[in-house]
Amino acid sequence: METTDTTQNPTQHTSQERDRKPARLPCEDHMMRLARRFMEQGFYQAASGVLAELSSTAASYQLRRIARVLSAAAAGYARWFLVQHEKAGELLDQAIEHAQGCDALSPWMDLLEQQAAAIEQIVRAFADDERAHFETYHNLVDTYYNSVCQALTGDYCTCLARFWRLYEGLLHHRLRTAHGVEPILTSPHPGPSEENELKLSEYLARLGRSRGRGTLYVHELREILRTVYGDSLFDDMGKTIVHADRGHALQPVELDRALTRIRQLRHDSAAAHGMRPVARSTANTCLIAGRALLDGYFSDRTDDIASHPFAPDRIAALASSVLSTDSTPDK
């Protein structure tokens, strides 16, 4: 009788194997726990490597299939972590394709599709060269959650850098969308409001500055909003009470005070002009302040921000469910 040789290609399987539920080997349980822990801790590339090995060595066809899907997804998360959105999107599309028809993964298809859609929103903006650097709701919230994941892995310096880009980006977004001016002085394209662009040019001239050179820093952007355009949004948001991490305890302070403290610490750190390391407490305060800024600025989308598909707890929930060692998936 003709048989199928699956020795050289462990992804091949017979109908008998599909109907069988082999007991998992102890090493398979160990690999599942290890991959799950890596996913929960934000070490997505490490998780992808473990899952890739499991996808070729597991005794169960279904476990091999699940591991293959999650390996691709985790590799996508790793590229997202590195701000390589195009490659992240390709890998997530692969994961979605391979997950089709897998009952164990069907409850999580919606999350994978949300993640792919979030990436697509960002990648699509890159196609417009003139506006590719513009901040949007999508890339600003993405930047926040990237900073969250950086802190999760212990990279507090990058967490601070991502947070500062978020803060600056929100100010840029406000000037463009509310006042029609271009905040990047070296941009060859002024904003659509001639009147407000003229006001900005006059303000810069009084400071001995002009378009075509230099950079506007966050405190200058705040001052322009306040004095040139009479825009008090960020000043009003700055009065919000947040709980800053002081290392030994959380201290309730106004958001603006927390932002001033972060600015001072950033200035002396390796994320900006100094060489000091960034403390965990500073990163925690960045995340608290970043969330307060987002919720205050996009006040009508706080639920969307909280349930963002790249929130670490949603990725951890996927890993915890699908890589559970309590039972073996049947389908």
Protein backbone atom coordinates (compact mmCIF):
# COMPACT_ATOMS: atom_id res chain seq x y z
CA MET A 1 0.00 0.00 0.00
CA GLU A 2 1.28 3.48 -0.92
CA THR A 3 2.23 5.69 2.00
CA THR A 4 3.14 9.34 2.37
CA ASP A 5 6.64 10.11 3.59
CA THR A 6 6.50 13.13 5.91
CA THR A 7 10.06 12.79 7.19
CA GLN A 8 11.55 15.39 4.88
CA ASN A 9 8.59 17.78 5.07
CA PRO A 10 6.97 17.80 8.53
CA THR A 11 4.23 20.16 7.33
CA GLN A 12 2.80 17.35 5.15
CA HIS A 13 0.20 15.26 6.90
CA THR A 14 -2.09 12.31 6.29
CA SER A 15 -5.83 12.19 6.94
CA GLN A 16 -5.13 9.85 9.84
CA GLU A 17 -2.83 12.45 11.42
CA ARG A 18 -5.49 15.14 11.13
CA ASP A 19 -7.91 12.96 13.06
CA ARG A 20 -5.38 12.10 15.74
CA LYS A 21 -4.68 14.11 18.91
CA PRO A 22 -1.16 13.12 19.94
CA ALA A 23 -0.03 14.00 23.40
CA ARG A 24 2.33 16.93 23.35
CA LEU A 25 5.93 16.31 24.24
CA PRO A 26 7.35 18.11 27.29
CA CYS A 27 9.69 20.06 24.99
CA GLU A 28 6.67 21.34 23.03
CA ASP A 29 5.00 22.60 26.20
CA HIS A 30 8.27 24.30 27.13
CA MET A 31 8.50 26.00 23.72
CA MET A 32 4.88 27.17 23.95
CA ARG A 33 5.46 28.64 27.41
CA LEU A 34 8.69 30.29 26.25
CA ALA A 35 7.06 31.83 23.16
CA ARG A 36 4.12 33.02 25.24
CA ARG A 37 6.45 34.66 27.76
CA PHE A 38 8.42 36.39 25.00
CA MET A 39 5.17 37.70 23.47
CA GLU A 40 3.96 39.00 26.84
CA GLN A 41 7.29 40.76 27.45
CA GLY A 42 7.45 42.39 24.01
CA PHE A 43 10.36 40.30 22.70
CA TYR A 44 8.58 39.51 19.47
CA GLN A 45 11.57 38.47 17.37
CA ALA A 46 12.59 35.93 20.00
CA ALA A 47 9.02 34.62 20.12
CA SER A 48 8.96 34.30 16.33
CA GLY A 49 12.14 32.22 16.39
CA VAL A 50 10.81 29.79 18.98
CA LEU A 51 7.52 29.45 17.11
CA ALA A 52 9.29 28.90 13.79
CA GLU A 53 11.14 25.96 15.33
CA LEU A 54 7.92 24.61 16.84
CA SER A 55 6.18 24.87 13.45
CA SER A 56 8.64 22.37 11.99
CA THR A 57 9.10 19.99 14.93
CA ALA A 58 5.72 19.63 16.70
CA ALA A 59 4.13 16.18 16.50
CA SER A 60 0.65 17.60 15.91
CA TYR A 61 -0.19 19.06 12.50
CA GLN A 62 -2.52 21.57 14.17
CA LEU A 63 0.16 22.77 16.57
CA ARG A 64 2.59 23.14 13.67
CA ARG A 65 0.01 25.21 11.83
CA ILE A 66 -0.73 27.46 14.82
CA ALA A 67 2.98 27.96 15.44
CA ARG A 68 3.50 28.88 11.78
CA VAL A 69 0.80 31.56 11.94
CA LEU A 70 1.99 33.03 15.23
CA SER A 71 5.61 32.98 14.07
CA ALA A 72 4.65 35.19 11.12
CA ALA A 73 2.53 37.45 13.33
CA ALA A 74 5.30 37.81 15.93
CA ALA A 75 7.80 38.61 13.18
CA GLY A 76 5.38 41.31 12.03
CA TYR A 77 5.18 42.71 15.55
CA ALA A 78 8.99 42.75 15.69
CA ARG A 79 9.14 44.83 12.49
CA TRP A 80 6.43 47.14 13.84
CA PHE A 81 8.52 47.52 17.01
CA LEU A 82 11.39 48.74 14.78
CA VAL A 83 9.04 51.14 12.92
CA GLN A 84 9.34 49.07 9.73
CA HIS A 85 5.65 49.25 8.89
CA GLU A 86 5.72 47.99 5.31
CA LYS A 87 7.46 44.74 6.22
CA ALA A 88 5.26 44.39 9.30
CA GLY A 89 2.19 44.59 7.07
CA GLU A 90 3.52 41.92 4.72
CA LEU A 91 4.15 39.52 7.60
CA LEU A 92 0.75 40.12 9.17
CA ASP A 93 -0.90 39.48 5.80
CA GLN A 94 0.97 36.15 5.68
CA ALA A 95 -0.26 35.27 9.16
CA ILE A 96 -3.86 36.05 8.21
CA GLU A 97 -3.61 33.97 5.03
CA HIS A 98 -2.19 30.94 6.86
CA ALA A 99 -4.79 31.24 9.65
CA GLN A 100 -7.79 30.86 7.34
CA GLY A 101 -9.95 27.90 8.40
CA CYS A 102 -8.10 27.21 11.65
CA ASP A 103 -10.71 26.95 14.42
CA ALA A 104 -8.19 27.59 17.20
CA LEU A 105 -7.29 30.93 15.61
CA SER A 106 -10.74 32.04 14.44
CA PRO A 107 -11.48 34.03 17.65
CA TRP A 108 -8.32 36.04 16.97
CA MET A 109 -8.76 36.72 13.27
CA ASP A 110 -10.44 40.02 14.03
CA LEU A 111 -7.41 41.21 16.01
CA LEU A 112 -4.97 40.18 13.27
CA GLU A 113 -7.09 41.95 10.67
CA GLN A 114 -7.31 45.08 12.84
CA GLN A 115 -3.53 45.08 13.17
CA ALA A 116 -3.05 44.71 9.42
CA ALA A 117 -5.54 47.53 8.80
CA ALA A 118 -3.78 49.81 11.30
CA ILE A 119 -0.47 49.20 9.52
CA GLU A 120 -2.10 49.86 6.13
CA GLN A 121 -3.39 53.23 7.35
CA ILE A 122 0.19 54.28 8.10
CA VAL A 123 1.83 52.77 5.02
CA ARG A 124 -0.74 54.37 2.72
CA ALA A 125 0.34 57.83 3.90
CA PHE A 126 3.92 57.14 2.75
CA ALA A 127 2.75 57.15 -0.88
CA ASP A 128 2.20 60.93 -0.77
CA ASP A 129 5.73 62.34 -0.77
CA GLU A 130 4.56 65.86 0.03
CA ARG A 131 2.59 64.75 3.08
CA ALA A 132 4.51 61.62 4.12
CA HIS A 133 5.93 63.39 7.19
CA PHE A 134 2.53 64.64 8.37
CA GLU A 135 1.27 63.45 11.72
CA THR A 136 -2.14 61.78 11.76
CA TYR A 137 -4.36 60.20 14.37
CA HIS A 138 -3.17 56.79 13.19
CA ASN A 139 0.58 57.34 13.32
CA LEU A 140 0.41 59.32 16.56
CA VAL A 141 -1.46 56.58 18.43
CA ASP A 142 0.88 54.04 16.83
CA THR A 143 3.84 56.01 18.17
CA TYR A 144 2.36 55.96 21.66
CA TYR A 145 1.90 52.20 21.68
CA ASN A 146 5.37 51.73 20.28
CA SER A 147 6.68 53.69 23.26
CA VAL A 148 4.66 51.42 25.55
CA CYS A 149 6.28 48.33 24.03
CA GLN A 150 9.74 49.88 24.24
CA ALA A 151 9.23 50.38 27.98
CA LEU A 152 7.92 46.82 28.29
CA THR A 153 11.24 45.46 27.02
CA GLY A 154 13.25 47.77 29.29
CA ASP A 155 14.40 50.14 26.53
CA TYR A 156 13.54 53.27 28.48
CA CYS A 157 15.70 55.53 26.34
CA THR A 158 13.78 54.68 23.17
CA CYS A 159 10.51 54.94 25.10
CA LEU A 160 11.43 58.53 25.98
CA ALA A 161 12.42 59.29 22.38
CA ARG A 162 9.13 57.90 21.05
CA PHE A 163 7.17 59.87 23.65
CA TRP A 164 8.89 63.12 22.73
CA ARG A 165 8.10 62.50 19.07
CA LEU A 166 4.46 62.00 20.07
CA TYR A 167 4.38 65.28 22.02
CA GLU A 168 6.02 67.20 19.18
CA GLY A 169 3.78 65.47 16.66
CA LEU A 170 0.59 66.49 18.44
CA LEU A 171 1.73 70.13 18.35
CA HIS A 172 2.53 69.83 14.63
CA HIS A 173 -0.87 68.27 14.03
CA ARG A 174 -2.61 71.12 15.84
CA LEU A 175 -0.82 73.82 13.84
CA ARG A 176 -1.58 72.12 10.52
CA THR A 177 -5.18 71.08 11.10
CA ALA A 178 -6.47 73.96 13.25
CA HIS A 179 -4.45 76.86 11.84
CA GLY A 180 -3.30 75.80 8.38
CA VAL A 181 0.40 76.47 8.92
CA GLU A 182 3.43 74.26 8.31
CA PRO A 183 5.51 73.87 11.50
CA ILE A 184 8.57 72.38 9.76
CA LEU A 185 10.59 75.48 8.87
CA THR A 186 12.68 73.66 6.26
CA SER A 187 9.63 72.37 4.39
CA PRO A 188 9.34 73.83 0.86
CA HIS A 189 5.55 73.71 1.13
CA PRO A 190 3.84 76.33 3.35
CA GLY A 191 0.48 75.65 4.95
CA PRO A 192 -2.79 76.42 3.16
CA SER A 193 -3.67 79.49 5.28
CA GLU A 194 -1.84 82.50 3.82
CA GLU A 195 -3.06 84.73 6.65
CA ASN A 196 -1.79 82.43 9.40
CA GLU A 197 1.45 81.72 7.55
CA LEU A 198 2.05 85.49 7.44
CA LYS A 199 1.41 85.74 11.18
CA LEU A 200 3.94 82.97 11.80
CA SER A 201 6.54 84.64 9.55
CA GLU A 202 6.10 87.95 11.37
CA TYR A 203 6.48 86.21 14.73
CA LEU A 204 9.64 84.43 13.58
CA ALA A 205 11.07 87.69 12.21
CA ARG A 206 10.72 89.30 15.64
CA LEU A 207 12.89 86.48 16.97
CA GLY A 208 15.44 86.96 14.20
CA ARG A 209 14.40 83.74 12.52
CA SER A 210 12.77 82.78 9.24
CA ARG A 211 11.58 79.89 7.13
CA GLY A 212 14.17 77.77 5.41
CA ARG A 213 16.40 77.12 8.41
CA GLY A 214 16.24 76.01 12.00
CA THR A 215 13.75 73.97 14.00
CA LEU A 216 10.85 74.88 16.23
CA TYR A 217 11.13 73.07 19.57
CA VAL A 218 8.16 71.99 21.64
CA HIS A 219 8.24 74.98 23.98
CA GLU A 220 8.34 77.28 20.93
CA LEU A 221 5.45 75.44 19.31
CA ARG A 222 3.45 75.85 22.50
CA GLU A 223 4.26 79.57 22.57
CA ILE A 224 3.23 80.02 18.93
CA LEU A 225 -0.11 78.36 19.55
CA ARG A 226 -0.68 80.53 22.61
CA THR A 227 0.52 83.97 21.47
CA VAL A 228 0.19 83.95 17.69
CA TYR A 229 -3.12 82.10 17.33
CA GLY A 230 -4.69 82.42 20.78
CA ASP A 231 -5.00 78.64 20.97
CA SER A 232 -5.24 77.48 24.59
CA LEU A 233 -5.89 73.77 23.98
CA PHE A 234 -2.52 72.52 25.20
CA ASP A 235 -2.49 74.98 28.11
CA ASP A 236 -5.90 73.68 29.15
CA MET A 237 -4.75 70.07 28.77
CA GLY A 238 -1.67 70.94 30.81
CA LYS A 239 -3.84 71.52 33.87
CA THR A 240 -4.98 67.88 33.87
CA ILE A 241 -3.83 65.98 36.95
CA VAL A 242 -1.67 62.95 36.19
CA HIS A 243 0.24 60.61 38.49
CA ALA A 244 3.94 60.99 37.75
CA ASP A 245 6.30 58.19 38.78
CA ARG A 246 8.91 59.52 41.19
CA GLY A 247 10.60 56.15 41.61
CA HIS A 248 9.33 55.50 45.12
CA ALA A 249 5.71 56.52 44.63
CA LEU A 250 3.22 58.05 42.20
CA GLN A 251 2.77 61.78 42.73
CA PRO A 252 -0.30 63.69 41.50
CA VAL A 253 0.87 66.70 39.48
CA GLU A 254 -0.41 68.86 36.65
CA LEU A 255 0.42 67.45 33.22
CA ASP A 256 2.45 70.55 32.30
CA ARG A 257 4.64 70.05 35.36
CA ALA A 258 5.24 66.43 34.37
CA LEU A 259 6.10 67.53 30.81
CA THR A 260 8.59 70.09 32.13
CA ARG A 261 10.25 67.41 34.26
CA ILE A 262 10.42 65.01 31.30
CA ARG A 263 11.96 67.75 29.17
CA GLN A 264 14.69 68.34 31.76
CA LEU A 265 15.46 64.63 32.09
CA ARG A 266 15.45 64.17 28.31
CA HIS A 267 17.91 67.05 27.86
CA ASP A 268 20.50 65.28 30.02
CA SER A 269 19.82 61.80 28.63
CA ALA A 270 21.21 59.79 25.73
CA ALA A 271 17.86 60.38 24.01
CA ALA A 272 18.80 64.03 23.44
CA HIS A 273 21.90 66.04 24.38
CA GLY A 274 23.47 64.14 27.26
CA MET A 275 24.67 60.64 28.04
CA ARG A 276 22.69 59.80 31.15
CA PRO A 277 20.58 56.63 31.12
CA VAL A 278 16.81 56.91 31.30
CA ALA A 279 15.22 55.57 34.47
CA ARG A 280 12.24 53.27 34.52
CA SER A 281 10.31 55.89 36.48
CA THR A 282 10.92 58.42 33.70
CA ALA A 283 9.61 55.98 31.10
CA ASN A 284 6.53 55.31 33.24
CA THR A 285 5.86 59.05 33.49
CA CYS A 286 6.26 59.35 29.72
CA LEU A 287 3.57 56.72 29.22
CA ILE A 288 1.24 58.37 31.71
CA ALA A 289 1.78 61.79 30.13
CA GLY A 290 1.53 60.40 26.61
CA ARG A 291 -1.82 58.79 27.30
CA ALA A 292 -3.11 62.00 28.91
CA LEU A 293 -2.03 64.00 25.84
CA LEU A 294 -3.69 61.58 23.44
CA ASP A 295 -6.92 61.34 25.41
CA GLY A 296 -7.09 65.10 25.80
CA TYR A 297 -6.30 65.87 22.18
CA PHE A 298 -8.43 63.14 20.58
CA SER A 299 -11.11 63.36 23.26
CA ASP A 300 -13.77 61.84 21.00
CA ARG A 301 -11.69 58.71 20.35
CA THR A 302 -10.58 57.62 23.81
CA ASP A 303 -12.27 54.21 23.46
CA ASP A 304 -10.47 53.60 20.16
CA ILE A 305 -7.16 54.58 21.74
CA ALA A 306 -7.71 52.21 24.67
CA SER A 307 -8.55 49.26 22.39
CA HIS A 308 -5.81 49.87 19.82
CA PRO A 309 -4.82 46.57 18.15
CA PHE A 310 -1.16 46.98 19.08
CA ALA A 311 -1.84 47.49 22.77
CA PRO A 312 0.51 45.00 24.48
CA ASP A 313 -2.28 43.48 26.55
CA ARG A 314 -4.18 42.52 23.39
CA ILE A 315 -1.10 40.82 21.92
CA ALA A 316 -0.46 39.10 25.26
CA ALA A 317 -4.07 37.87 25.36
CA LEU A 318 -3.65 36.32 21.90
CA ALA A 319 -0.49 34.51 22.99
CA SER A 320 -1.97 33.41 26.32
CA SER A 321 -5.04 31.91 24.66
CA VAL A 322 -3.56 30.24 21.61
CA LEU A 323 -0.35 29.05 23.29
CA SER A 324 -2.07 27.69 26.38
CA THR A 325 -0.56 24.40 27.53
CA ASP A 326 -3.78 23.39 29.31
CA SER A 327 -5.26 21.77 26.21
CA THR A 328 -4.43 20.78 22.67
CA PRO A 329 -6.34 22.49 19.83
CA ASP A 330 -8.42 20.03 17.82
CA LYS A 331 -8.83 21.94 14.55
